[in-house]
Amino acid sequence: MSAGEPWLMRVEAGLNAHFKQANGASRPGTDWRIGLKRGHEVHTVLVRTYSDKVAPELAKDSQFMANTAMGYLNDLLGKGWDPKQPRELAITVTNPDGYQPKKMPFWKVWE
């Protein structure tokens, strides 16, 4: 294994919930269990994605949310973070740059 070898990652599980905050409120999100592998080195980390700042249709898109969690991990690994180092891994997901919500036909407004 070389330090330049890329990390392989996969989502092993996800748990949607509302997570209690220090101020007593709760926020919707998902805890993702992500497996990391590089050579013979294997780790499992938890990444929490909060979904209260993203468009509702994206918050429901588990593939988008999981990819966002893995992208966050990839950025941290690229900056030198080692999965052996304990760290709280949590992000608030927002809409991607240039995102335009789908427009619903006017007749669906009353459903």
N, C-alpha and C. Protein backbone atom coordinates (compact mmCIF):
# COMPACT_ATOMS: atom_id res chain seq x y z
N MET A 1 0.85 -1.18 0.00
CA MET A 1 0.00 0.00 0.00
C MET A 1 0.88 1.23 0.00
N SER A 2 0.54 2.17 -0.85
CA SER A 2 1.26 3.44 -0.85
C SER A 2 0.31 4.55 -0.45
N ALA A 3 0.89 5.59 0.14
CA ALA A 3 0.06 6.70 0.59
C ALA A 3 -0.66 7.37 -0.58
N GLY A 4 -0.13 7.25 -1.79
CA GLY A 4 -0.75 7.86 -2.96
C GLY A 4 -1.89 7.04 -3.53
N GLU A 5 -2.03 5.81 -3.05
CA GLU A 5 -3.11 4.94 -3.54
C GLU A 5 -4.45 5.51 -3.09
N PRO A 6 -5.45 5.54 -3.98
CA PRO A 6 -6.75 6.12 -3.59
C PRO A 6 -7.51 5.24 -2.61
N TRP A 7 -8.35 5.88 -1.83
CA TRP A 7 -9.24 5.16 -0.93
C TRP A 7 -10.46 4.71 -1.73
N LEU A 8 -10.86 3.47 -1.52
CA LEU A 8 -12.12 2.98 -2.05
C LEU A 8 -13.15 3.18 -0.96
N MET A 9 -14.35 3.56 -1.33
CA MET A 9 -15.38 3.73 -0.31
C MET A 9 -16.72 3.23 -0.82
N ARG A 10 -17.53 2.81 0.16
CA ARG A 10 -18.88 2.34 -0.17
C ARG A 10 -19.80 2.63 1.01
N VAL A 11 -21.03 2.87 0.69
CA VAL A 11 -22.04 3.04 1.73
C VAL A 11 -22.48 1.66 2.17
N GLU A 12 -22.36 1.42 3.47
CA GLU A 12 -22.76 0.12 4.02
C GLU A 12 -24.17 0.17 4.61
N ALA A 13 -24.58 1.35 5.09
CA ALA A 13 -25.92 1.49 5.67
C ALA A 13 -26.23 2.96 5.85
N GLY A 14 -27.51 3.25 5.98
CA GLY A 14 -27.95 4.62 6.26
C GLY A 14 -29.16 4.58 7.17
N LEU A 15 -29.21 5.51 8.12
CA LEU A 15 -30.33 5.59 9.05
C LEU A 15 -30.89 7.01 9.02
N ASN A 16 -32.12 7.16 8.50
CA ASN A 16 -32.80 8.45 8.49
C ASN A 16 -33.42 8.69 9.86
N ALA A 17 -33.25 9.90 10.38
CA ALA A 17 -33.80 10.22 11.70
C ALA A 17 -33.85 11.73 11.89
N HIS A 18 -34.36 12.14 13.02
CA HIS A 18 -34.26 13.52 13.48
C HIS A 18 -33.28 13.49 14.65
N PHE A 19 -32.26 14.34 14.59
CA PHE A 19 -31.19 14.31 15.56
C PHE A 19 -31.29 15.51 16.50
N LYS A 20 -31.34 15.22 17.78
CA LYS A 20 -31.47 16.26 18.80
C LYS A 20 -30.20 17.11 18.83
N GLN A 21 -30.38 18.42 18.91
CA GLN A 21 -29.28 19.37 18.95
C GLN A 21 -29.07 19.87 20.38
N ALA A 22 -27.96 20.52 20.61
CA ALA A 22 -27.62 21.04 21.94
C ALA A 22 -28.68 22.01 22.46
N ASN A 23 -29.34 22.74 21.55
CA ASN A 23 -30.35 23.72 21.98
C ASN A 23 -31.72 23.08 22.23
N GLY A 24 -31.82 21.76 22.09
CA GLY A 24 -33.07 21.06 22.35
C GLY A 24 -33.91 20.78 21.10
N ALA A 25 -33.64 21.51 20.03
CA ALA A 25 -34.36 21.28 18.77
C ALA A 25 -33.83 19.99 18.12
N SER A 26 -34.50 19.55 17.07
CA SER A 26 -33.99 18.41 16.31
C SER A 26 -33.92 18.78 14.84
N ARG A 27 -33.03 18.08 14.13
CA ARG A 27 -32.85 18.33 12.70
C ARG A 27 -32.93 17.01 11.94
N PRO A 28 -33.57 17.03 10.76
CA PRO A 28 -33.63 15.81 9.96
C PRO A 28 -32.28 15.53 9.30
N GLY A 29 -32.00 14.26 9.14
CA GLY A 29 -30.76 13.89 8.47
C GLY A 29 -30.61 12.39 8.39
N THR A 30 -29.41 11.98 8.02
CA THR A 30 -29.09 10.56 7.88
C THR A 30 -27.71 10.30 8.44
N ASP A 31 -27.58 9.22 9.19
CA ASP A 31 -26.27 8.71 9.59
C ASP A 31 -25.88 7.66 8.57
N TRP A 32 -24.78 7.89 7.87
CA TRP A 32 -24.27 6.96 6.87
C TRP A 32 -23.09 6.19 7.45
N ARG A 33 -23.12 4.88 7.34
CA ARG A 33 -21.96 4.06 7.69
C ARG A 33 -21.22 3.79 6.39
N ILE A 34 -20.00 4.31 6.32
CA ILE A 34 -19.22 4.23 5.08
C ILE A 34 -17.96 3.42 5.33
N GLY A 35 -17.75 2.44 4.48
CA GLY A 35 -16.55 1.60 4.53
C GLY A 35 -15.47 2.22 3.67
N LEU A 36 -14.25 2.26 4.22
CA LEU A 36 -13.08 2.78 3.51
C LEU A 36 -12.04 1.67 3.40
N LYS A 37 -11.40 1.59 2.24
CA LYS A 37 -10.37 0.57 2.05
C LYS A 37 -9.26 1.14 1.18
N ARG A 38 -8.02 0.90 1.63
CA ARG A 38 -6.83 1.24 0.84
C ARG A 38 -5.81 0.17 1.11
N GLY A 39 -5.53 -0.64 0.08
CA GLY A 39 -4.64 -1.79 0.29
C GLY A 39 -5.27 -2.73 1.30
N HIS A 40 -4.52 -3.06 2.36
CA HIS A 40 -5.04 -3.94 3.41
C HIS A 40 -5.68 -3.16 4.55
N GLU A 41 -5.63 -1.84 4.49
CA GLU A 41 -6.19 -0.99 5.53
C GLU A 41 -7.70 -0.83 5.31
N VAL A 42 -8.49 -1.14 6.34
CA VAL A 42 -9.95 -1.08 6.24
C VAL A 42 -10.48 -0.32 7.45
N HIS A 43 -11.42 0.60 7.21
CA HIS A 43 -12.05 1.38 8.28
C HIS A 43 -13.54 1.51 7.99
N THR A 44 -14.30 1.74 9.03
CA THR A 44 -15.70 2.10 8.91
C THR A 44 -15.90 3.40 9.68
N VAL A 45 -16.49 4.39 9.03
CA VAL A 45 -16.73 5.69 9.67
C VAL A 45 -18.21 6.04 9.54
N LEU A 46 -18.67 6.90 10.44
CA LEU A 46 -20.04 7.40 10.39
C LEU A 46 -20.00 8.86 9.96
N VAL A 47 -20.83 9.18 8.98
CA VAL A 47 -20.97 10.56 8.51
C VAL A 47 -22.45 10.93 8.64
N ARG A 48 -22.72 12.02 9.32
CA ARG A 48 -24.09 12.51 9.45
C ARG A 48 -24.30 13.63 8.43
N THR A 49 -25.35 13.48 7.63
CA THR A 49 -25.74 14.55 6.70
C THR A 49 -27.05 15.13 7.19
N TYR A 50 -27.05 16.44 7.46
CA TYR A 50 -28.28 17.13 7.83
C TYR A 50 -28.95 17.60 6.54
N SER A 51 -30.27 17.41 6.46
CA SER A 51 -30.97 17.67 5.20
C SER A 51 -32.00 18.80 5.28
N ASP A 52 -31.90 19.65 6.30
CA ASP A 52 -32.91 20.71 6.45
C ASP A 52 -32.59 21.97 5.64
N LYS A 53 -31.48 22.01 4.94
CA LYS A 53 -31.10 23.19 4.14
C LYS A 53 -31.02 22.87 2.65
N VAL A 54 -31.55 21.74 2.25
CA VAL A 54 -31.51 21.30 0.86
C VAL A 54 -32.95 21.16 0.36
N ALA A 55 -33.15 21.30 -0.95
CA ALA A 55 -34.48 21.16 -1.54
C ALA A 55 -35.09 19.81 -1.13
N PRO A 56 -36.38 19.79 -0.84
CA PRO A 56 -37.03 18.56 -0.37
C PRO A 56 -36.82 17.36 -1.30
N GLU A 57 -36.85 17.59 -2.61
CA GLU A 57 -36.67 16.45 -3.53
C GLU A 57 -35.25 15.90 -3.45
N LEU A 58 -34.26 16.74 -3.14
CA LEU A 58 -32.89 16.26 -2.98
C LEU A 58 -32.72 15.56 -1.63
N ALA A 59 -33.39 16.07 -0.60
CA ALA A 59 -33.31 15.45 0.72
C ALA A 59 -33.85 14.02 0.68
N LYS A 60 -34.82 13.76 -0.20
CA LYS A 60 -35.41 12.42 -0.33
C LYS A 60 -34.58 11.52 -1.24
N ASP A 61 -33.62 12.08 -1.96
CA ASP A 61 -32.81 11.33 -2.92
C ASP A 61 -31.61 10.71 -2.19
N SER A 62 -31.76 9.46 -1.76
CA SER A 62 -30.72 8.82 -0.96
C SER A 62 -29.40 8.70 -1.73
N GLN A 63 -29.45 8.53 -3.04
CA GLN A 63 -28.21 8.43 -3.83
C GLN A 63 -27.46 9.77 -3.79
N PHE A 64 -28.18 10.87 -3.96
CA PHE A 64 -27.56 12.20 -3.89
C PHE A 64 -26.95 12.44 -2.51
N MET A 65 -27.70 12.11 -1.46
CA MET A 65 -27.22 12.35 -0.11
C MET A 65 -26.02 11.46 0.22
N ALA A 66 -26.05 10.21 -0.19
CA ALA A 66 -24.92 9.30 0.06
C ALA A 66 -23.68 9.77 -0.71
N ASN A 67 -23.87 10.18 -1.97
CA ASN A 67 -22.74 10.68 -2.76
C ASN A 67 -22.15 11.94 -2.13
N THR A 68 -23.01 12.79 -1.55
CA THR A 68 -22.53 14.00 -0.88
C THR A 68 -21.68 13.62 0.34
N ALA A 69 -22.13 12.64 1.11
CA ALA A 69 -21.37 12.18 2.28
C ALA A 69 -20.01 11.63 1.85
N MET A 70 -19.99 10.83 0.77
CA MET A 70 -18.72 10.28 0.29
C MET A 70 -17.82 11.36 -0.29
N GLY A 71 -18.41 12.36 -0.94
CA GLY A 71 -17.61 13.47 -1.45
C GLY A 71 -16.96 14.25 -0.32
N TYR A 72 -17.70 14.45 0.76
CA TYR A 72 -17.17 15.11 1.96
C TYR A 72 -15.98 14.33 2.51
N LEU A 73 -16.15 13.00 2.64
CA LEU A 73 -15.05 12.15 3.12
C LEU A 73 -13.85 12.21 2.19
N ASN A 74 -14.10 12.17 0.89
CA ASN A 74 -13.03 12.22 -0.09
C ASN A 74 -12.24 13.53 0.05
N ASP A 75 -12.94 14.63 0.26
CA ASP A 75 -12.26 15.92 0.47
C ASP A 75 -11.38 15.88 1.71
N LEU A 76 -11.91 15.33 2.81
CA LEU A 76 -11.11 15.24 4.04
C LEU A 76 -9.88 14.37 3.85
N LEU A 77 -10.06 13.23 3.19
CA LEU A 77 -8.93 12.33 2.93
C LEU A 77 -7.90 13.02 2.04
N GLY A 78 -8.35 13.78 1.07
CA GLY A 78 -7.45 14.51 0.18
C GLY A 78 -6.65 15.58 0.90
N LYS A 79 -7.21 16.08 2.02
CA LYS A 79 -6.52 17.10 2.82
C LYS A 79 -5.63 16.48 3.89
N GLY A 80 -5.53 15.15 3.88
CA GLY A 80 -4.61 14.49 4.80
C GLY A 80 -5.23 13.86 6.04
N TRP A 81 -6.57 13.91 6.17
CA TRP A 81 -7.18 13.27 7.33
C TRP A 81 -6.98 11.77 7.27
N ASP A 82 -6.66 11.17 8.41
CA ASP A 82 -6.46 9.73 8.52
C ASP A 82 -7.67 9.15 9.25
N PRO A 83 -8.35 8.14 8.67
CA PRO A 83 -9.54 7.58 9.31
C PRO A 83 -9.29 7.00 10.71
N LYS A 84 -8.04 6.77 11.08
CA LYS A 84 -7.73 6.30 12.43
C LYS A 84 -7.89 7.42 13.46
N GLN A 85 -7.89 8.68 12.99
CA GLN A 85 -8.04 9.82 13.89
C GLN A 85 -9.52 10.03 14.19
N PRO A 86 -9.89 10.00 15.48
CA PRO A 86 -11.31 10.23 15.80
C PRO A 86 -11.72 11.64 15.41
N ARG A 87 -12.89 11.74 14.85
CA ARG A 87 -13.38 13.04 14.39
C ARG A 87 -14.88 12.95 14.20
N GLU A 88 -15.60 13.99 14.61
CA GLU A 88 -17.03 14.03 14.34
C GLU A 88 -17.20 14.41 12.88
N LEU A 89 -17.89 13.58 12.14
CA LEU A 89 -18.08 13.80 10.71
C LEU A 89 -19.54 14.15 10.47
N ALA A 90 -19.83 15.43 10.31
CA ALA A 90 -21.20 15.88 10.09
C ALA A 90 -21.18 17.09 9.16
N ILE A 91 -22.10 17.09 8.21
CA ILE A 91 -22.22 18.22 7.30
C ILE A 91 -23.70 18.57 7.11
N THR A 92 -23.92 19.83 6.79
CA THR A 92 -25.25 20.28 6.39
C THR A 92 -25.24 20.36 4.87
N VAL A 93 -26.08 19.57 4.25
CA VAL A 93 -26.14 19.53 2.79
C VAL A 93 -26.98 20.70 2.29
N THR A 94 -26.48 21.37 1.26
CA THR A 94 -27.22 22.47 0.62
C THR A 94 -27.38 22.14 -0.85
N ASN A 95 -28.17 22.94 -1.54
CA ASN A 95 -28.40 22.71 -2.97
C ASN A 95 -27.10 22.91 -3.75
N PRO A 96 -26.86 22.08 -4.76
CA PRO A 96 -25.68 22.26 -5.60
C PRO A 96 -25.73 23.61 -6.32
N ASP A 97 -24.58 24.15 -6.67
CA ASP A 97 -24.53 25.40 -7.44
C ASP A 97 -25.36 25.26 -8.71
N GLY A 98 -26.18 26.24 -8.98
CA GLY A 98 -26.99 26.25 -10.19
C GLY A 98 -28.23 25.37 -10.13
N TYR A 99 -28.52 24.79 -8.99
CA TYR A 99 -29.68 23.90 -8.87
C TYR A 99 -30.97 24.67 -9.09
N GLN A 100 -31.83 24.13 -9.93
CA GLN A 100 -33.16 24.69 -10.17
C GLN A 100 -34.20 23.63 -9.81
N PRO A 101 -35.07 23.92 -8.86
CA PRO A 101 -36.10 22.92 -8.52
C PRO A 101 -36.98 22.63 -9.73
N LYS A 102 -37.48 21.41 -9.78
CA LYS A 102 -38.40 21.04 -10.86
C LYS A 102 -39.69 21.81 -10.68
N LYS A 103 -40.19 22.34 -11.77
CA LYS A 103 -41.46 23.07 -11.72
C LYS A 103 -42.59 22.06 -11.90
N MET A 104 -43.53 22.13 -10.98
CA MET A 104 -44.69 21.24 -11.07
C MET A 104 -45.75 21.88 -11.96
N PRO A 105 -46.49 21.09 -12.72
CA PRO A 105 -47.59 21.65 -13.49
C PRO A 105 -48.58 22.33 -12.54
N PHE A 106 -49.20 23.41 -13.01
CA PHE A 106 -50.10 24.18 -12.16
C PHE A 106 -51.21 23.33 -11.53
N TRP A 107 -51.66 22.28 -12.25
CA TRP A 107 -52.76 21.47 -11.74
C TRP A 107 -52.34 20.58 -10.58
N LYS A 108 -51.03 20.43 -10.31
CA LYS A 108 -50.57 19.61 -9.19
C LYS A 108 -50.48 20.42 -7.90
N VAL A 109 -50.66 21.71 -7.99
CA VAL A 109 -50.55 22.56 -6.81
C VAL A 109 -51.59 22.19 -5.77
N TRP A 110 -52.76 21.74 -6.21
CA TRP A 110 -53.85 21.48 -5.29
C TRP A 110 -53.91 20.05 -4.80
N GLU A 111 -52.96 19.24 -5.13
CA GLU A 111 -52.99 17.84 -4.67
C GLU A 111 -52.70 17.75 -3.21
